[in-house]
Amino acid sequence: MTGTPTGRLFRTATGTDLVLVRTFRAPVADVWASVTEPERTARWFGPWEGDAGPGRTIRLQMVFEDDAPWTELRIETCEPPRHLAVSSADGSGGWRIELLLTETAGGTELRFTHHLDSEEHVGEIGPGWEYYLDLLVAAGTDAPKAGFDDYYPAMKPYYEGLRGPTA
């Protein structure tokens, strides 16, 4: 667990990308399994069910959220073991998430991107992804899992400080 916020914002032609990076001492195939296999995603985010594949929709349970809700995720891109893109739409809006995995000397780098339509809620979104990505890191080791209270509201000022003047 980092305890220090790591996310960065990048402005694009279509909005803003929130990017967080984590490095794993594991081969790319192992990290890919951690983000795509339901029994492995259950350790750090939640299990999922359905017939996965590009253009298909699965159901994902967010077990670390209040009431452990189920949500639908559409798989936009799935190119094992390097690129996964998913989207979701619910009452609070749409989410577009992308994961890129790169094998490095002695490990794998995961570049997580949340394509934001607005920077308005980045003070809540950023700490949430820090938390989940640290849970992913902890799931691959014997590290203890931190509580969300260790991330929010402590990281909120950092993320709000990344917002542009017109956000």
N, C-alpha and C. Protein backbone atom coordinates (compact mmCIF):
# COMPACT_ATOMS: atom_id res chain seq x y z
N MET A 1 0.84 -1.18 0.00
CA MET A 1 0.00 0.00 0.00
C MET A 1 0.89 1.24 0.00
N THR A 2 0.57 2.16 -0.85
CA THR A 2 1.42 3.33 -0.99
C THR A 2 1.16 4.37 0.10
N GLY A 3 -0.11 4.65 0.41
CA GLY A 3 -0.41 5.70 1.36
C GLY A 3 -0.25 7.08 0.76
N THR A 4 0.41 7.16 -0.38
CA THR A 4 0.62 8.42 -1.08
C THR A 4 -0.09 8.35 -2.41
N PRO A 5 -0.89 9.36 -2.77
CA PRO A 5 -1.59 9.31 -4.05
C PRO A 5 -0.61 9.30 -5.22
N THR A 6 -0.95 8.55 -6.25
CA THR A 6 -0.06 8.39 -7.40
C THR A 6 -0.69 8.81 -8.72
N GLY A 7 -1.99 9.03 -8.74
CA GLY A 7 -2.69 9.32 -9.99
C GLY A 7 -2.29 10.64 -10.61
N ARG A 8 -2.47 10.68 -11.93
CA ARG A 8 -2.21 11.91 -12.68
C ARG A 8 -3.34 12.12 -13.67
N LEU A 9 -3.60 13.36 -14.01
CA LEU A 9 -4.61 13.69 -14.99
C LEU A 9 -3.94 14.12 -16.29
N PHE A 10 -4.50 13.64 -17.40
CA PHE A 10 -4.02 14.02 -18.73
C PHE A 10 -5.23 14.48 -19.53
N ARG A 11 -5.17 15.72 -20.03
CA ARG A 11 -6.27 16.23 -20.84
C ARG A 11 -6.15 15.65 -22.25
N THR A 12 -7.30 15.24 -22.81
CA THR A 12 -7.35 14.67 -24.15
C THR A 12 -8.37 15.46 -24.98
N ALA A 13 -8.49 15.12 -26.24
CA ALA A 13 -9.47 15.79 -27.10
C ALA A 13 -10.90 15.48 -26.69
N THR A 14 -11.11 14.39 -25.96
CA THR A 14 -12.47 13.98 -25.59
C THR A 14 -12.78 14.10 -24.10
N GLY A 15 -11.85 14.58 -23.31
CA GLY A 15 -12.07 14.70 -21.87
C GLY A 15 -10.77 14.68 -21.12
N THR A 16 -10.76 13.98 -20.01
CA THR A 16 -9.57 13.88 -19.17
C THR A 16 -9.36 12.42 -18.79
N ASP A 17 -8.12 12.00 -18.83
CA ASP A 17 -7.78 10.65 -18.40
C ASP A 17 -7.14 10.70 -17.02
N LEU A 18 -7.68 9.91 -16.10
CA LEU A 18 -7.07 9.69 -14.80
C LEU A 18 -6.23 8.43 -14.94
N VAL A 19 -4.93 8.54 -14.72
CA VAL A 19 -4.01 7.42 -14.94
C VAL A 19 -3.30 7.08 -13.63
N LEU A 20 -3.32 5.80 -13.28
CA LEU A 20 -2.59 5.28 -12.13
C LEU A 20 -1.77 4.09 -12.61
N VAL A 21 -0.58 3.93 -12.05
CA VAL A 21 0.32 2.85 -12.46
C VAL A 21 0.70 2.03 -11.23
N ARG A 22 0.71 0.72 -11.41
CA ARG A 22 1.21 -0.18 -10.38
C ARG A 22 2.18 -1.16 -11.03
N THR A 23 3.20 -1.55 -10.27
CA THR A 23 4.18 -2.52 -10.75
C THR A 23 4.09 -3.76 -9.88
N PHE A 24 4.13 -4.92 -10.54
CA PHE A 24 4.00 -6.20 -9.86
C PHE A 24 5.24 -7.04 -10.11
N ARG A 25 5.66 -7.77 -9.11
CA ARG A 25 6.76 -8.74 -9.27
C ARG A 25 6.13 -10.06 -9.69
N ALA A 26 5.57 -10.06 -10.88
CA ALA A 26 4.88 -11.23 -11.41
C ALA A 26 4.88 -11.13 -12.93
N PRO A 27 4.82 -12.26 -13.61
CA PRO A 27 4.74 -12.22 -15.06
C PRO A 27 3.41 -11.63 -15.53
N VAL A 28 3.40 -11.11 -16.74
CA VAL A 28 2.21 -10.47 -17.28
C VAL A 28 1.01 -11.40 -17.28
N ALA A 29 1.20 -12.70 -17.54
CA ALA A 29 0.09 -13.64 -17.56
C ALA A 29 -0.58 -13.75 -16.19
N ASP A 30 0.20 -13.67 -15.12
CA ASP A 30 -0.35 -13.74 -13.77
C ASP A 30 -1.16 -12.49 -13.44
N VAL A 31 -0.63 -11.32 -13.80
CA VAL A 31 -1.37 -10.07 -13.53
C VAL A 31 -2.64 -10.05 -14.37
N TRP A 32 -2.56 -10.50 -15.63
CA TRP A 32 -3.74 -10.58 -16.50
C TRP A 32 -4.81 -11.46 -15.83
N ALA A 33 -4.42 -12.59 -15.31
CA ALA A 33 -5.37 -13.47 -14.64
C ALA A 33 -6.01 -12.77 -13.44
N SER A 34 -5.25 -11.95 -12.74
CA SER A 34 -5.78 -11.24 -11.57
C SER A 34 -6.84 -10.22 -11.94
N VAL A 35 -6.82 -9.72 -13.17
CA VAL A 35 -7.80 -8.71 -13.57
C VAL A 35 -8.89 -9.27 -14.49
N THR A 36 -8.80 -10.58 -14.83
CA THR A 36 -9.80 -11.12 -15.75
C THR A 36 -10.49 -12.39 -15.27
N GLU A 37 -9.93 -13.13 -14.35
CA GLU A 37 -10.55 -14.38 -13.88
C GLU A 37 -11.43 -14.09 -12.67
N PRO A 38 -12.69 -14.54 -12.69
CA PRO A 38 -13.62 -14.16 -11.62
C PRO A 38 -13.18 -14.54 -10.22
N GLU A 39 -12.54 -15.69 -10.07
CA GLU A 39 -12.10 -16.05 -8.72
C GLU A 39 -10.93 -15.19 -8.26
N ARG A 40 -10.18 -14.64 -9.19
CA ARG A 40 -9.07 -13.75 -8.84
C ARG A 40 -9.56 -12.31 -8.63
N THR A 41 -10.50 -11.84 -9.47
CA THR A 41 -11.02 -10.48 -9.26
C THR A 41 -11.78 -10.39 -7.95
N ALA A 42 -12.33 -11.53 -7.50
CA ALA A 42 -13.06 -11.54 -6.23
C ALA A 42 -12.17 -11.16 -5.06
N ARG A 43 -10.88 -11.38 -5.17
CA ARG A 43 -9.95 -11.08 -4.07
C ARG A 43 -9.72 -9.59 -3.85
N TRP A 44 -9.94 -8.78 -4.90
CA TRP A 44 -9.60 -7.37 -4.76
C TRP A 44 -10.70 -6.41 -5.23
N PHE A 45 -11.68 -6.89 -5.95
CA PHE A 45 -12.74 -6.02 -6.44
C PHE A 45 -14.10 -6.67 -6.28
N GLY A 46 -14.22 -7.86 -6.85
CA GLY A 46 -15.46 -8.61 -6.76
C GLY A 46 -15.53 -9.65 -7.85
N PRO A 47 -16.34 -10.68 -7.64
CA PRO A 47 -16.49 -11.71 -8.67
C PRO A 47 -17.35 -11.20 -9.82
N TRP A 48 -17.25 -11.87 -10.94
CA TRP A 48 -18.12 -11.53 -12.06
C TRP A 48 -18.68 -12.81 -12.66
N GLU A 49 -19.76 -12.65 -13.40
CA GLU A 49 -20.39 -13.79 -14.05
C GLU A 49 -20.85 -13.40 -15.44
N GLY A 50 -20.91 -14.38 -16.32
CA GLY A 50 -21.37 -14.13 -17.67
C GLY A 50 -20.42 -14.71 -18.69
N ASP A 51 -20.76 -14.53 -19.94
CA ASP A 51 -19.97 -15.04 -21.05
C ASP A 51 -19.10 -13.89 -21.56
N ALA A 52 -17.86 -13.83 -21.10
CA ALA A 52 -16.98 -12.71 -21.39
C ALA A 52 -16.45 -12.75 -22.82
N GLY A 53 -16.28 -11.58 -23.38
CA GLY A 53 -15.68 -11.45 -24.70
C GLY A 53 -15.97 -10.06 -25.24
N PRO A 54 -15.18 -9.59 -26.19
CA PRO A 54 -15.41 -8.26 -26.75
C PRO A 54 -16.85 -8.10 -27.27
N GLY A 55 -17.47 -6.99 -26.90
CA GLY A 55 -18.84 -6.72 -27.31
C GLY A 55 -19.89 -7.35 -26.41
N ARG A 56 -19.47 -8.12 -25.44
CA ARG A 56 -20.40 -8.79 -24.53
C ARG A 56 -20.47 -8.05 -23.20
N THR A 57 -21.52 -8.34 -22.45
CA THR A 57 -21.73 -7.72 -21.15
C THR A 57 -21.69 -8.79 -20.07
N ILE A 58 -20.98 -8.50 -18.98
CA ILE A 58 -20.92 -9.37 -17.82
C ILE A 58 -21.50 -8.64 -16.63
N ARG A 59 -21.77 -9.37 -15.57
CA ARG A 59 -22.22 -8.77 -14.30
C ARG A 59 -21.09 -8.89 -13.30
N LEU A 60 -20.78 -7.78 -12.64
CA LEU A 60 -19.69 -7.71 -11.67
C LEU A 60 -20.26 -7.27 -10.33
N GLN A 61 -19.87 -8.00 -9.28
CA GLN A 61 -20.29 -7.60 -7.93
C GLN A 61 -19.17 -6.81 -7.29
N MET A 62 -19.50 -5.63 -6.80
CA MET A 62 -18.52 -4.75 -6.16
C MET A 62 -18.59 -4.99 -4.65
N VAL A 63 -17.86 -6.02 -4.18
CA VAL A 63 -18.01 -6.49 -2.81
C VAL A 63 -17.46 -5.55 -1.75
N PHE A 64 -16.65 -4.58 -2.14
CA PHE A 64 -16.10 -3.66 -1.15
C PHE A 64 -16.90 -2.35 -1.07
N GLU A 65 -18.01 -2.28 -1.78
CA GLU A 65 -18.90 -1.12 -1.74
C GLU A 65 -20.06 -1.41 -0.79
N ASP A 66 -20.71 -0.38 -0.30
CA ASP A 66 -21.89 -0.56 0.55
C ASP A 66 -22.91 -1.42 -0.18
N ASP A 67 -23.46 -2.40 0.50
CA ASP A 67 -24.47 -3.31 -0.01
C ASP A 67 -23.98 -4.23 -1.13
N ALA A 68 -22.68 -4.22 -1.45
CA ALA A 68 -22.08 -5.10 -2.46
C ALA A 68 -22.94 -5.20 -3.73
N PRO A 69 -23.17 -4.07 -4.41
CA PRO A 69 -24.07 -4.08 -5.57
C PRO A 69 -23.47 -4.83 -6.77
N TRP A 70 -24.35 -5.29 -7.64
CA TRP A 70 -23.97 -5.86 -8.92
C TRP A 70 -24.12 -4.78 -9.97
N THR A 71 -23.21 -4.75 -10.92
CA THR A 71 -23.29 -3.79 -12.03
C THR A 71 -22.93 -4.50 -13.32
N GLU A 72 -23.39 -3.98 -14.41
CA GLU A 72 -23.07 -4.56 -15.71
C GLU A 72 -21.86 -3.85 -16.31
N LEU A 73 -20.95 -4.65 -16.87
CA LEU A 73 -19.78 -4.13 -17.56
C LEU A 73 -19.79 -4.65 -18.99
N ARG A 74 -19.62 -3.76 -19.93
CA ARG A 74 -19.49 -4.16 -21.32
C ARG A 74 -17.99 -4.26 -21.63
N ILE A 75 -17.59 -5.35 -22.21
CA ILE A 75 -16.20 -5.55 -22.58
C ILE A 75 -16.00 -4.94 -23.97
N GLU A 76 -15.25 -3.87 -24.01
CA GLU A 76 -15.01 -3.16 -25.26
C GLU A 76 -13.84 -3.77 -26.02
N THR A 77 -12.76 -4.07 -25.30
CA THR A 77 -11.55 -4.65 -25.89
C THR A 77 -11.00 -5.68 -24.94
N CYS A 78 -10.59 -6.81 -25.49
CA CYS A 78 -9.93 -7.84 -24.69
C CYS A 78 -8.86 -8.49 -25.56
N GLU A 79 -7.61 -8.10 -25.31
CA GLU A 79 -6.47 -8.62 -26.06
C GLU A 79 -5.47 -9.19 -25.07
N PRO A 80 -5.70 -10.46 -24.66
CA PRO A 80 -4.84 -11.09 -23.65
C PRO A 80 -3.39 -11.17 -24.12
N PRO A 81 -2.46 -11.00 -23.24
CA PRO A 81 -2.57 -10.57 -21.84
C PRO A 81 -2.16 -9.11 -21.66
N ARG A 82 -2.54 -8.25 -22.58
CA ARG A 82 -2.00 -6.89 -22.56
C ARG A 82 -3.02 -5.76 -22.45
N HIS A 83 -4.24 -5.94 -22.95
CA HIS A 83 -5.15 -4.80 -23.08
C HIS A 83 -6.59 -5.22 -22.78
N LEU A 84 -7.19 -4.54 -21.81
CA LEU A 84 -8.59 -4.75 -21.45
C LEU A 84 -9.25 -3.39 -21.32
N ALA A 85 -10.39 -3.22 -22.00
CA ALA A 85 -11.16 -1.98 -21.87
C ALA A 85 -12.61 -2.37 -21.61
N VAL A 86 -13.22 -1.73 -20.61
CA VAL A 86 -14.61 -2.00 -20.24
C VAL A 86 -15.34 -0.68 -20.05
N SER A 87 -16.66 -0.76 -20.15
CA SER A 87 -17.48 0.42 -19.88
C SER A 87 -18.70 0.00 -19.09
N SER A 88 -19.26 0.96 -18.40
CA SER A 88 -20.43 0.71 -17.58
C SER A 88 -21.27 1.97 -17.55
N ALA A 89 -22.57 1.79 -17.51
CA ALA A 89 -23.47 2.93 -17.38
C ALA A 89 -24.51 2.59 -16.33
N ASP A 90 -24.73 3.53 -15.41
CA ASP A 90 -25.76 3.35 -14.40
C ASP A 90 -26.37 4.71 -14.09
N GLY A 91 -27.12 4.79 -13.04
CA GLY A 91 -27.80 6.02 -12.67
C GLY A 91 -26.87 7.19 -12.40
N SER A 92 -25.60 6.90 -12.06
CA SER A 92 -24.66 7.98 -11.77
C SER A 92 -23.83 8.36 -12.99
N GLY A 93 -24.09 7.75 -14.14
CA GLY A 93 -23.38 8.11 -15.35
C GLY A 93 -22.61 6.94 -15.94
N GLY A 94 -21.74 7.25 -16.86
CA GLY A 94 -20.96 6.22 -17.54
C GLY A 94 -19.52 6.20 -17.08
N TRP A 95 -18.92 5.03 -17.18
CA TRP A 95 -17.52 4.84 -16.82
C TRP A 95 -16.84 4.13 -17.98
N ARG A 96 -15.65 4.59 -18.33
CA ARG A 96 -14.84 3.92 -19.35
C ARG A 96 -13.46 3.69 -18.74
N ILE A 97 -13.09 2.41 -18.61
CA ILE A 97 -11.87 2.01 -17.93
C ILE A 97 -11.00 1.22 -18.90
N GLU A 98 -9.69 1.45 -18.82
CA GLU A 98 -8.77 0.73 -19.69
C GLU A 98 -7.55 0.29 -18.88
N LEU A 99 -7.11 -0.95 -19.11
CA LEU A 99 -5.91 -1.49 -18.45
C LEU A 99 -4.93 -1.93 -19.53
N LEU A 100 -3.70 -1.46 -19.42
CA LEU A 100 -2.62 -1.87 -20.31
C LEU A 100 -1.54 -2.50 -19.46
N LEU A 101 -1.11 -3.69 -19.83
CA LEU A 101 -0.07 -4.41 -19.09
C LEU A 101 1.17 -4.53 -19.96
N THR A 102 2.31 -4.23 -19.36
CA THR A 102 3.59 -4.30 -20.04
C THR A 102 4.55 -5.10 -19.19
N GLU A 103 5.15 -6.10 -19.78
CA GLU A 103 6.14 -6.88 -19.05
C GLU A 103 7.44 -6.09 -18.99
N THR A 104 8.01 -6.03 -17.80
CA THR A 104 9.26 -5.31 -17.58
C THR A 104 10.27 -6.31 -17.01
N ALA A 105 11.49 -5.88 -16.89
CA ALA A 105 12.51 -6.75 -16.29
C ALA A 105 12.09 -7.08 -14.87
N GLY A 106 11.78 -8.34 -14.63
CA GLY A 106 11.42 -8.77 -13.29
C GLY A 106 9.99 -8.54 -12.89
N GLY A 107 9.11 -8.12 -13.80
CA GLY A 107 7.74 -7.90 -13.39
C GLY A 107 6.84 -7.42 -14.49
N THR A 108 5.74 -6.81 -14.06
CA THR A 108 4.72 -6.30 -14.98
C THR A 108 4.25 -4.94 -14.49
N GLU A 109 4.12 -4.02 -15.43
CA GLU A 109 3.54 -2.71 -15.12
C GLU A 109 2.10 -2.69 -15.61
N LEU A 110 1.19 -2.26 -14.74
CA LEU A 110 -0.20 -2.09 -15.09
C LEU A 110 -0.48 -0.59 -15.15
N ARG A 111 -0.93 -0.13 -16.30
CA ARG A 111 -1.33 1.27 -16.48
C ARG A 111 -2.85 1.28 -16.53
N PHE A 112 -3.45 1.84 -15.50
CA PHE A 112 -4.90 1.89 -15.35
C PHE A 112 -5.36 3.28 -15.76
N THR A 113 -6.32 3.35 -16.67
CA THR A 113 -6.85 4.64 -17.12
C THR A 113 -8.36 4.66 -16.97
N HIS A 114 -8.85 5.68 -16.29
CA HIS A 114 -10.28 5.96 -16.23
C HIS A 114 -10.49 7.18 -17.11
N HIS A 115 -11.19 6.98 -18.24
CA HIS A 115 -11.48 8.08 -19.16
C HIS A 115 -12.65 8.87 -18.59
N LEU A 116 -12.35 10.04 -18.05
CA LEU A 116 -13.36 10.86 -17.38
C LEU A 116 -14.07 11.77 -18.39
N ASP A 117 -15.38 11.90 -18.23
CA ASP A 117 -16.12 12.87 -19.03
C ASP A 117 -16.01 14.25 -18.39
N SER A 118 -15.76 14.28 -17.09
CA SER A 118 -15.66 15.52 -16.33
C SER A 118 -14.68 15.30 -15.17
N GLU A 119 -14.02 16.36 -14.76
CA GLU A 119 -13.12 16.29 -13.61
C GLU A 119 -13.84 16.58 -12.30
N GLU A 120 -15.13 16.80 -12.36
CA GLU A 120 -15.91 17.26 -11.21
C GLU A 120 -15.75 16.36 -9.98
N HIS A 121 -15.77 15.06 -10.14
CA HIS A 121 -15.75 14.15 -8.99
C HIS A 121 -14.41 13.44 -8.82
N VAL A 122 -13.35 13.98 -9.38
CA VAL A 122 -12.05 13.30 -9.30
C VAL A 122 -11.56 13.19 -7.86
N GLY A 123 -12.01 14.07 -6.97
CA GLY A 123 -11.65 14.00 -5.56
C GLY A 123 -12.17 12.76 -4.87
N GLU A 124 -13.21 12.15 -5.40
CA GLU A 124 -13.73 10.88 -4.88
C GLU A 124 -13.24 9.70 -5.72
N ILE A 125 -13.19 9.88 -7.03
CA ILE A 125 -12.83 8.79 -7.94
C ILE A 125 -11.37 8.38 -7.76
N GLY A 126 -10.47 9.35 -7.69
CA GLY A 126 -9.04 9.04 -7.55
C GLY A 126 -8.72 8.19 -6.33
N PRO A 127 -9.16 8.61 -5.12
CA PRO A 127 -8.89 7.77 -3.95
C PRO A 127 -9.50 6.38 -4.06
N GLY A 128 -10.66 6.28 -4.71
CA GLY A 128 -11.29 4.97 -4.88
C GLY A 128 -10.43 4.03 -5.71
N TRP A 129 -9.89 4.54 -6.81
CA TRP A 129 -9.03 3.68 -7.64
C TRP A 129 -7.70 3.38 -6.96
N GLU A 130 -7.16 4.33 -6.21
CA GLU A 130 -5.94 4.04 -5.43
C GLU A 130 -6.20 2.85 -4.51
N TYR A 131 -7.35 2.89 -3.83
CA TYR A 131 -7.73 1.82 -2.90
C TYR A 131 -7.83 0.48 -3.62
N TYR A 132 -8.59 0.44 -4.71
CA TYR A 132 -8.77 -0.83 -5.41
C TYR A 132 -7.47 -1.35 -6.01
N LEU A 133 -6.66 -0.49 -6.57
CA LEU A 133 -5.40 -0.97 -7.14
C LEU A 133 -4.45 -1.45 -6.06
N ASP A 134 -4.47 -0.83 -4.90
CA ASP A 134 -3.66 -1.34 -3.79
C ASP A 134 -4.21 -2.68 -3.29
N LEU A 135 -5.53 -2.87 -3.34
CA LEU A 135 -6.10 -4.18 -3.00
C LEU A 135 -5.62 -5.23 -4.01
N LEU A 136 -5.53 -4.85 -5.29
CA LEU A 136 -5.01 -5.76 -6.31
C LEU A 136 -3.57 -6.15 -6.00
N VAL A 137 -2.74 -5.17 -5.63
CA VAL A 137 -1.35 -5.47 -5.26
C VAL A 137 -1.32 -6.40 -4.06
N ALA A 138 -2.12 -6.11 -3.04
CA ALA A 138 -2.14 -6.93 -1.82
C ALA A 138 -2.64 -8.35 -2.11
N ALA A 139 -3.54 -8.49 -3.07
CA ALA A 139 -4.08 -9.82 -3.40
C ALA A 139 -3.00 -10.75 -3.94
N GLY A 140 -1.95 -10.18 -4.53
CA GLY A 140 -0.87 -10.99 -5.07
C GLY A 140 0.26 -11.25 -4.08
N THR A 141 0.12 -10.71 -2.89
CA THR A 141 1.15 -10.89 -1.86
C THR A 141 0.45 -11.22 -0.54
N ASP A 142 1.20 -11.29 0.50
CA ASP A 142 0.61 -11.49 1.82
C ASP A 142 0.41 -10.17 2.56
N ALA A 143 0.46 -9.06 1.83
CA ALA A 143 0.32 -7.75 2.46
C ALA A 143 -1.08 -7.59 3.04
N PRO A 144 -1.20 -6.93 4.17
CA PRO A 144 -2.52 -6.69 4.74
C PRO A 144 -3.31 -5.71 3.88
N LYS A 145 -4.63 -5.86 3.88
CA LYS A 145 -5.48 -4.97 3.12
C LYS A 145 -5.81 -3.75 3.97
N ALA A 146 -5.67 -2.59 3.36
CA ALA A 146 -6.02 -1.34 4.04
C ALA A 146 -7.52 -1.12 3.95
N GLY A 147 -8.01 -0.26 4.80
CA GLY A 147 -9.41 0.12 4.73
C GLY A 147 -9.57 1.37 3.88
N PHE A 148 -10.76 1.56 3.34
CA PHE A 148 -10.99 2.73 2.49
C PHE A 148 -10.76 4.03 3.25
N ASP A 149 -10.96 4.02 4.56
CA ASP A 149 -10.72 5.22 5.37
C ASP A 149 -9.27 5.68 5.31
N ASP A 150 -8.36 4.81 4.92
CA ASP A 150 -6.96 5.19 4.76
C ASP A 150 -6.75 6.01 3.48
N TYR A 151 -7.73 6.00 2.58
CA TYR A 151 -7.61 6.66 1.28
C TYR A 151 -8.50 7.89 1.16
N TYR A 152 -9.68 7.78 1.71
CA TYR A 152 -10.65 8.87 1.59
C TYR A 152 -11.18 9.21 2.96
N PRO A 153 -11.13 10.45 3.34
CA PRO A 153 -10.92 11.66 2.55
C PRO A 153 -9.46 12.14 2.44
N ALA A 154 -8.51 11.39 2.99
CA ALA A 154 -7.12 11.87 3.03
C ALA A 154 -6.56 12.24 1.66
N MET A 155 -6.91 11.50 0.61
CA MET A 155 -6.36 11.77 -0.72
C MET A 155 -7.19 12.75 -1.54
N LYS A 156 -8.34 13.12 -1.03
CA LYS A 156 -9.23 14.01 -1.79
C LYS A 156 -8.56 15.34 -2.16
N PRO A 157 -7.88 16.03 -1.23
CA PRO A 157 -7.25 17.30 -1.61
C PRO A 157 -6.22 17.16 -2.74
N TYR A 158 -5.46 16.06 -2.73
CA TYR A 158 -4.48 15.84 -3.80
C TYR A 158 -5.19 15.80 -5.15
N TYR A 159 -6.24 14.98 -5.22
CA TYR A 159 -6.94 14.82 -6.50
C TYR A 159 -7.68 16.09 -6.92
N GLU A 160 -8.25 16.78 -5.98
CA GLU A 160 -8.91 18.05 -6.34
C GLU A 160 -7.88 19.07 -6.81
N GLY A 161 -6.66 19.00 -6.29
CA GLY A 161 -5.61 19.89 -6.72
C GLY A 161 -5.12 19.62 -8.14
N LEU A 162 -5.43 18.45 -8.69
CA LEU A 162 -5.05 18.13 -10.07
C LEU A 162 -6.01 18.75 -11.08
N ARG A 163 -7.20 19.10 -10.63
CA ARG A 163 -8.22 19.63 -11.54
C ARG A 163 -7.77 20.93 -12.17
N GLY A 164 -8.20 21.11 -13.40
CA GLY A 164 -7.89 22.34 -14.12
C GLY A 164 -8.72 23.49 -13.60
N PRO A 165 -8.35 24.73 -13.93
CA PRO A 165 -9.04 25.89 -13.43
C PRO A 165 -10.49 25.99 -13.90
N THR A 166 -10.85 25.33 -15.01
CA THR A 166 -12.23 25.40 -15.50
C THR A 166 -13.03 24.17 -15.10
N ALA A 167 -12.43 23.26 -14.34
CA ALA A 167 -13.12 22.03 -13.96
C ALA A 167 -14.20 22.29 -12.94
